[in-house]
N, C-alpha and C. Protein backbone atom coordinates (compact mmCIF):
# COMPACT_ATOMS: atom_id res chain seq x y z
N MET A 1 20.01 -4.12 -0.45
CA MET A 1 18.75 -4.27 -0.22
C MET A 1 19.21 -3.38 -2.19
N VAL A 2 19.77 -2.88 -2.48
CA VAL A 2 19.85 -2.59 -4.27
C VAL A 2 20.12 -3.47 -4.87
N ASN A 3 20.73 -4.16 -4.87
CA ASN A 3 21.52 -5.19 -5.25
C ASN A 3 19.79 -6.49 -5.70
N GLU A 4 19.42 -6.49 -4.55
CA GLU A 4 17.85 -7.04 -4.99
C GLU A 4 16.84 -6.80 -5.20
N VAL A 5 16.80 -5.38 -5.54
CA VAL A 5 15.93 -4.59 -6.39
C VAL A 5 16.35 -5.03 -8.29
N ASN A 6 17.58 -4.94 -7.71
CA ASN A 6 18.15 -4.94 -9.45
C ASN A 6 18.11 -6.34 -10.46
N ILE A 7 18.16 -7.19 -9.30
CA ILE A 7 17.67 -9.40 -10.09
C ILE A 7 16.43 -9.21 -10.86
N ASP A 8 16.47 -10.40 -11.55
CA ASP A 8 14.91 -10.32 -12.37
C ASP A 8 14.93 -12.00 -11.47
N PRO A 9 13.87 -12.25 -10.20
CA PRO A 9 13.35 -12.68 -9.00
C PRO A 9 12.69 -13.58 -10.21
N LYS A 10 13.23 -14.79 -9.81
CA LYS A 10 12.29 -16.29 -9.85
C LYS A 10 10.94 -16.79 -9.74
N SER A 11 10.88 -16.21 -8.69
CA SER A 11 9.98 -16.39 -8.43
C SER A 11 9.34 -15.28 -6.82
N ARG A 12 8.18 -15.38 -6.67
CA ARG A 12 8.01 -14.19 -5.87
C ARG A 12 8.18 -14.34 -4.46
N ALA A 13 8.87 -15.27 -4.31
CA ALA A 13 9.74 -15.31 -2.84
C ALA A 13 10.44 -14.81 -2.88
N ASP A 14 11.60 -14.80 -4.22
CA ASP A 14 12.53 -13.91 -4.19
C ASP A 14 12.66 -12.43 -4.38
N MET A 15 11.14 -12.25 -4.36
CA MET A 15 11.17 -10.57 -4.76
C MET A 15 11.52 -9.77 -3.63
N PRO A 16 11.93 -8.56 -3.27
CA PRO A 16 12.30 -8.12 -2.22
C PRO A 16 11.05 -7.79 -2.00
N THR A 17 11.36 -7.74 -0.20
CA THR A 17 9.62 -6.44 0.33
C THR A 17 9.16 -5.12 -0.24
N THR A 18 9.95 -4.58 -0.40
CA THR A 18 10.34 -3.32 -0.86
C THR A 18 11.72 -2.69 -0.31
N SER A 19 12.23 -1.31 -1.19
CA SER A 19 13.10 -1.10 -1.46
C SER A 19 13.19 -0.49 -0.54
N TYR A 20 12.25 -0.28 0.83
CA TYR A 20 11.83 0.45 2.04
C TYR A 20 12.23 -0.75 3.52
N SER A 21 12.41 -0.13 4.70
CA SER A 21 12.29 -0.69 5.59
C SER A 21 10.80 -1.09 5.76
N LYS A 22 10.75 -1.81 6.61
CA LYS A 22 9.16 -1.86 7.34
C LYS A 22 8.74 -1.20 8.14
N PRO A 23 7.66 -0.73 8.38
CA PRO A 23 7.35 -0.08 9.70
C PRO A 23 7.64 -0.08 10.55
N VAL A 24 7.71 -0.17 11.88
CA VAL A 24 7.63 -0.04 13.22
C VAL A 24 6.67 1.03 13.91
N ILE A 25 6.65 0.53 15.06
CA ILE A 25 6.48 1.67 16.04
C ILE A 25 6.96 2.61 16.62
N GLY A 26 7.61 4.08 16.08
CA GLY A 26 8.37 5.04 16.58
C GLY A 26 8.13 5.91 17.88
N ALA A 27 8.06 6.46 17.95
CA ALA A 27 8.57 7.34 19.21
C ALA A 27 7.66 7.83 20.00
N THR A 28 6.00 7.88 18.90
CA THR A 28 4.97 9.11 19.18
C THR A 28 4.17 7.65 18.63
N GLY A 29 4.45 6.66 18.72
CA GLY A 29 3.83 5.22 18.71
C GLY A 29 3.07 5.01 17.32
N LYS A 30 1.72 4.76 16.32
CA LYS A 30 1.84 4.07 15.67
C LYS A 30 1.67 5.04 14.75
N THR A 31 1.84 5.82 13.03
CA THR A 31 1.61 6.77 12.72
C THR A 31 0.83 6.50 11.89
N GLY A 32 -0.54 5.83 11.73
CA GLY A 32 -1.84 6.36 10.54
C GLY A 32 -2.80 6.92 11.43
N SER A 33 -2.43 7.17 12.88
CA SER A 33 -3.76 7.96 13.61
C SER A 33 -3.78 8.95 13.24
N TRP A 34 -3.38 9.81 12.76
CA TRP A 34 -2.72 11.26 12.28
C TRP A 34 -3.46 11.37 10.23
N ARG A 35 -3.87 9.85 9.91
CA ARG A 35 -4.67 9.98 8.47
C ARG A 35 -5.72 10.82 8.18
N THR A 36 -5.64 11.48 7.31
CA THR A 36 -7.37 12.23 7.35
C THR A 36 -8.20 11.85 5.69
N PHE A 37 -7.38 10.37 5.16
CA PHE A 37 -7.98 9.87 4.03
C PHE A 37 -8.15 8.52 4.66
N THR A 38 -8.46 7.79 4.13
CA THR A 38 -7.73 6.30 4.03
C THR A 38 -8.40 5.56 2.96
N PRO A 39 -7.25 4.56 2.61
CA PRO A 39 -7.08 4.14 1.21
C PRO A 39 -8.15 2.90 1.14
N GLN A 40 -8.89 2.42 0.52
CA GLN A 40 -10.25 1.06 0.54
C GLN A 40 -9.73 0.47 -1.33
N ILE A 41 -9.70 -0.52 -1.02
CA ILE A 41 -9.47 -1.08 -2.50
C ILE A 41 -10.47 -1.75 -2.96
N ASP A 42 -10.84 -1.61 -3.89
CA ASP A 42 -12.21 -2.38 -4.57
C ASP A 42 -11.36 -3.75 -4.80
N TYR A 43 -11.71 -4.76 -4.38
CA TYR A 43 -10.76 -6.34 -4.76
C TYR A 43 -11.30 -6.79 -6.16
N ASP A 44 -12.81 -6.38 -6.34
CA ASP A 44 -13.37 -7.06 -7.41
C ASP A 44 -12.37 -6.63 -8.60
N GLU A 45 -11.90 -5.42 -8.62
CA GLU A 45 -11.49 -4.38 -9.92
C GLU A 45 -9.55 -4.97 -10.31
N CYS A 46 -9.48 -4.88 -8.86
CA CYS A 46 -8.52 -5.13 -8.90
C CYS A 46 -7.38 -6.30 -9.46
N SER A 47 -6.30 -6.07 -9.99
CA SER A 47 -5.48 -6.59 -11.00
C SER A 47 -4.63 -7.34 -10.64
N ARG A 48 -4.03 -7.34 -9.18
CA ARG A 48 -2.85 -7.73 -8.54
C ARG A 48 -1.87 -7.25 -9.31
N CYS A 49 -1.69 -6.84 -9.60
CA CYS A 49 -0.29 -5.70 -10.63
C CYS A 49 0.60 -5.04 -9.52
N ARG A 50 0.84 -5.14 -8.29
CA ARG A 50 1.73 -5.22 -7.41
C ARG A 50 2.55 -3.32 -7.55
N THR A 51 1.77 -2.60 -8.23
CA THR A 51 1.93 -0.87 -8.68
C THR A 51 1.94 -0.34 -7.46
N CYS A 52 0.92 -0.23 -6.59
CA CYS A 52 0.23 0.11 -5.12
C CYS A 52 1.75 -0.18 -4.22
N TRP A 53 1.94 -1.69 -4.02
CA TRP A 53 3.35 -1.93 -3.45
C TRP A 53 4.51 -0.97 -3.96
N LEU A 54 4.18 -1.53 -4.89
CA LEU A 54 5.73 -0.48 -5.27
C LEU A 54 5.66 0.61 -5.00
N HIS A 55 5.17 1.53 -4.74
CA HIS A 55 4.85 3.45 -5.23
C HIS A 55 4.80 3.61 -3.46
N CYS A 56 4.33 2.64 -3.00
CA CYS A 56 3.94 3.04 -1.51
C CYS A 56 5.54 3.80 -0.37
N PRO A 57 5.21 4.62 -0.26
CA PRO A 57 6.73 5.46 0.12
C PRO A 57 6.42 5.18 1.95
N GLU A 58 5.77 4.32 2.19
CA GLU A 58 5.66 3.72 3.61
C GLU A 58 5.71 2.34 3.87
N ALA A 59 6.11 1.72 2.79
CA ALA A 59 5.64 0.53 2.86
C ALA A 59 5.10 -0.51 3.82
N VAL A 60 3.23 -0.06 3.82
CA VAL A 60 2.42 -0.45 4.49
C VAL A 60 1.85 -1.18 3.51
N ILE A 61 2.08 -1.33 2.61
CA ILE A 61 1.33 -2.53 1.80
C ILE A 61 2.10 -4.10 1.21
N SER A 62 1.21 -4.83 1.93
CA SER A 62 1.69 -6.48 2.09
C SER A 62 1.11 -6.48 0.95
N LEU A 63 1.75 -8.11 0.23
CA LEU A 63 1.14 -9.13 -0.55
C LEU A 63 0.45 -10.50 -0.07
N ASP A 64 -0.58 -10.56 -0.45
CA ASP A 64 -0.66 -12.51 0.30
C ASP A 64 0.10 -12.73 -1.03
N GLU A 65 -0.39 -14.47 -1.10
CA GLU A 65 0.20 -15.53 -2.32
C GLU A 65 -0.24 -14.82 -3.61
N ASP A 66 -1.52 -14.94 -3.24
CA ASP A 66 -1.86 -14.67 -5.19
C ASP A 66 -1.14 -12.88 -5.77
N GLY A 67 -0.76 -12.14 -4.50
CA GLY A 67 -0.49 -11.30 -5.00
C GLY A 67 -1.63 -9.69 -4.39
N THR A 68 -2.32 -10.32 -3.77
CA THR A 68 -3.72 -9.10 -3.87
C THR A 68 -2.86 -8.21 -2.65
N PRO A 69 -3.22 -6.85 -2.47
CA PRO A 69 -2.58 -6.06 -1.51
C PRO A 69 -3.49 -5.63 -0.48
N HIS A 70 -2.47 -6.13 0.78
CA HIS A 70 -3.39 -5.44 1.87
C HIS A 70 -2.51 -4.27 2.67
N ILE A 71 -3.39 -3.29 2.72
CA ILE A 71 -3.02 -1.95 3.19
C ILE A 71 -2.80 -1.61 4.93
N ASP A 72 -1.87 -2.29 5.75
CA ASP A 72 -1.89 -1.63 7.47
C ASP A 72 -1.94 -0.39 7.62
N LEU A 73 -3.24 -0.24 8.39
CA LEU A 73 -3.82 0.99 8.34
C LEU A 73 -3.35 1.20 9.27
N ASP A 74 -2.42 0.79 10.45
CA ASP A 74 -1.84 0.95 11.37
C ASP A 74 -0.47 2.01 11.37
N TYR A 75 -0.26 2.13 9.95
CA TYR A 75 1.13 2.81 9.85
C TYR A 75 0.44 3.39 8.71
N CYS A 76 -0.26 3.63 7.74
CA CYS A 76 -0.76 4.25 6.09
C CYS A 76 -0.66 5.76 6.50
N LYS A 77 -0.52 6.76 6.38
CA LYS A 77 -0.54 8.33 6.55
C LYS A 77 -1.54 9.12 5.33
N GLY A 78 -2.27 7.81 4.66
CA GLY A 78 -3.18 8.42 3.56
C GLY A 78 -2.86 9.36 2.93
N CYS A 79 -1.56 9.75 1.97
CA CYS A 79 -0.55 10.13 1.05
C CYS A 79 -1.16 10.24 -0.23
N ALA A 80 -2.07 8.42 -0.86
CA ALA A 80 -2.99 8.72 -1.90
C ALA A 80 -2.10 8.38 -3.51
N CYS A 81 -0.78 7.87 -2.59
CA CYS A 81 0.53 7.77 -4.08
C CYS A 81 -0.51 6.71 -3.88
N CYS A 82 -0.60 5.20 -3.41
CA CYS A 82 -1.28 4.29 -4.14
C CYS A 82 -2.44 4.34 -5.11
N ALA A 83 -3.30 5.41 -4.51
CA ALA A 83 -4.54 5.45 -5.20
C ALA A 83 -4.55 6.15 -7.13
N GLU A 84 -3.57 7.10 -6.85
CA GLU A 84 -3.04 7.91 -8.01
C GLU A 84 -1.97 6.96 -8.80
N VAL A 85 -1.14 6.21 -8.68
CA VAL A 85 -0.58 4.78 -8.79
C VAL A 85 -1.09 3.94 -10.28
N CYS A 86 -2.52 3.77 -9.16
CA CYS A 86 -3.24 2.41 -9.45
C CYS A 86 -3.50 2.57 -10.93
N PRO A 87 -3.31 1.83 -11.64
CA PRO A 87 -3.74 1.60 -13.09
C PRO A 87 -5.59 1.37 -13.57
N LYS A 88 -5.80 0.55 -12.81
CA LYS A 88 -7.47 0.16 -12.89
C LYS A 88 -8.19 1.48 -11.94
N LYS A 89 -7.40 2.51 -11.47
CA LYS A 89 -7.90 2.74 -10.50
C LYS A 89 -9.54 2.62 -9.07
N CYS A 90 -8.72 1.38 -8.54
CA CYS A 90 -9.57 0.36 -7.91
C CYS A 90 -9.63 0.67 -6.37
N ILE A 91 -8.44 2.00 -6.56
CA ILE A 91 -8.12 2.07 -4.88
C ILE A 91 -8.89 3.89 -4.07
N ALA A 92 -10.06 4.04 -3.79
CA ALA A 92 -10.76 5.06 -3.60
C ALA A 92 -10.07 5.78 -1.76
N MET A 93 -10.11 6.54 -2.06
CA MET A 93 -9.22 7.79 -0.65
C MET A 93 -10.88 7.64 -0.33
N ILE A 94 -11.04 7.62 1.23
CA ILE A 94 -12.53 7.82 1.42
C ILE A 94 -12.56 8.71 3.03
N ARG A 95 -12.91 9.72 3.00
CA ARG A 95 -12.40 11.05 4.30
C ARG A 95 -12.97 10.19 5.57
N GLU A 96 -11.82 10.63 6.37
CA GLU A 96 -12.15 9.32 7.62
C GLU A 96 -13.37 9.78 8.31
N GLY A 97 -13.99 8.99 8.48
CA GLY A 97 -15.18 8.96 9.84
C GLY A 97 -16.49 9.75 8.28
N PHE A 98 -16.09 9.21 7.23
CA PHE A 98 -17.18 9.07 6.16
C PHE A 98 -18.16 8.15 5.83
N ASP A 99 -18.63 8.12 4.81
CA ASP A 99 -19.00 7.10 4.13
C ASP A 99 -18.49 7.53 2.81
N GLU A 100 -18.20 5.86 1.93
CA GLU A 100 -17.33 5.69 0.64
C GLU A 100 -17.96 6.74 -0.61
N GLU A 101 -19.71 6.75 -0.34
CA GLU A 101 -20.13 8.09 -1.05
C GLU A 101 -18.70 8.75 -1.22
N GLU A 102 -18.63 9.93 0.16
CA GLU A 102 -17.85 10.68 -0.05
C GLU A 102 -16.69 11.15 -0.22
N SER A 103 -16.05 9.65 -1.30
CA SER A 103 -14.93 9.39 -1.58
C SER A 103 -14.33 11.03 -2.45
N VAL A 104 -12.77 10.79 -2.78
CA VAL A 104 -11.99 11.72 -3.53
C VAL A 104 -11.81 10.94 -4.45
């Protein structure tokens, strides 16, 4: 996988998924159940730059054909790395069980 990261991809299909493995159900089940903050993407503001996808330590962000990121909340731990690295600041961290007005 390291060699794939260091190549110059010719298209999106040539890009590696991430440098990490894909999330799977572990011995204790899906890991997103103990999250306290949920990332929510403002798709109107998102530039599809892939920065969140590249920096997600759990590899729970996937991209569709046009580069739109989608977060798998079954495995997202709410670490906020995606929100911190987003150059457009279009990812809000919403406390679980609260409205968007109470985001951080």
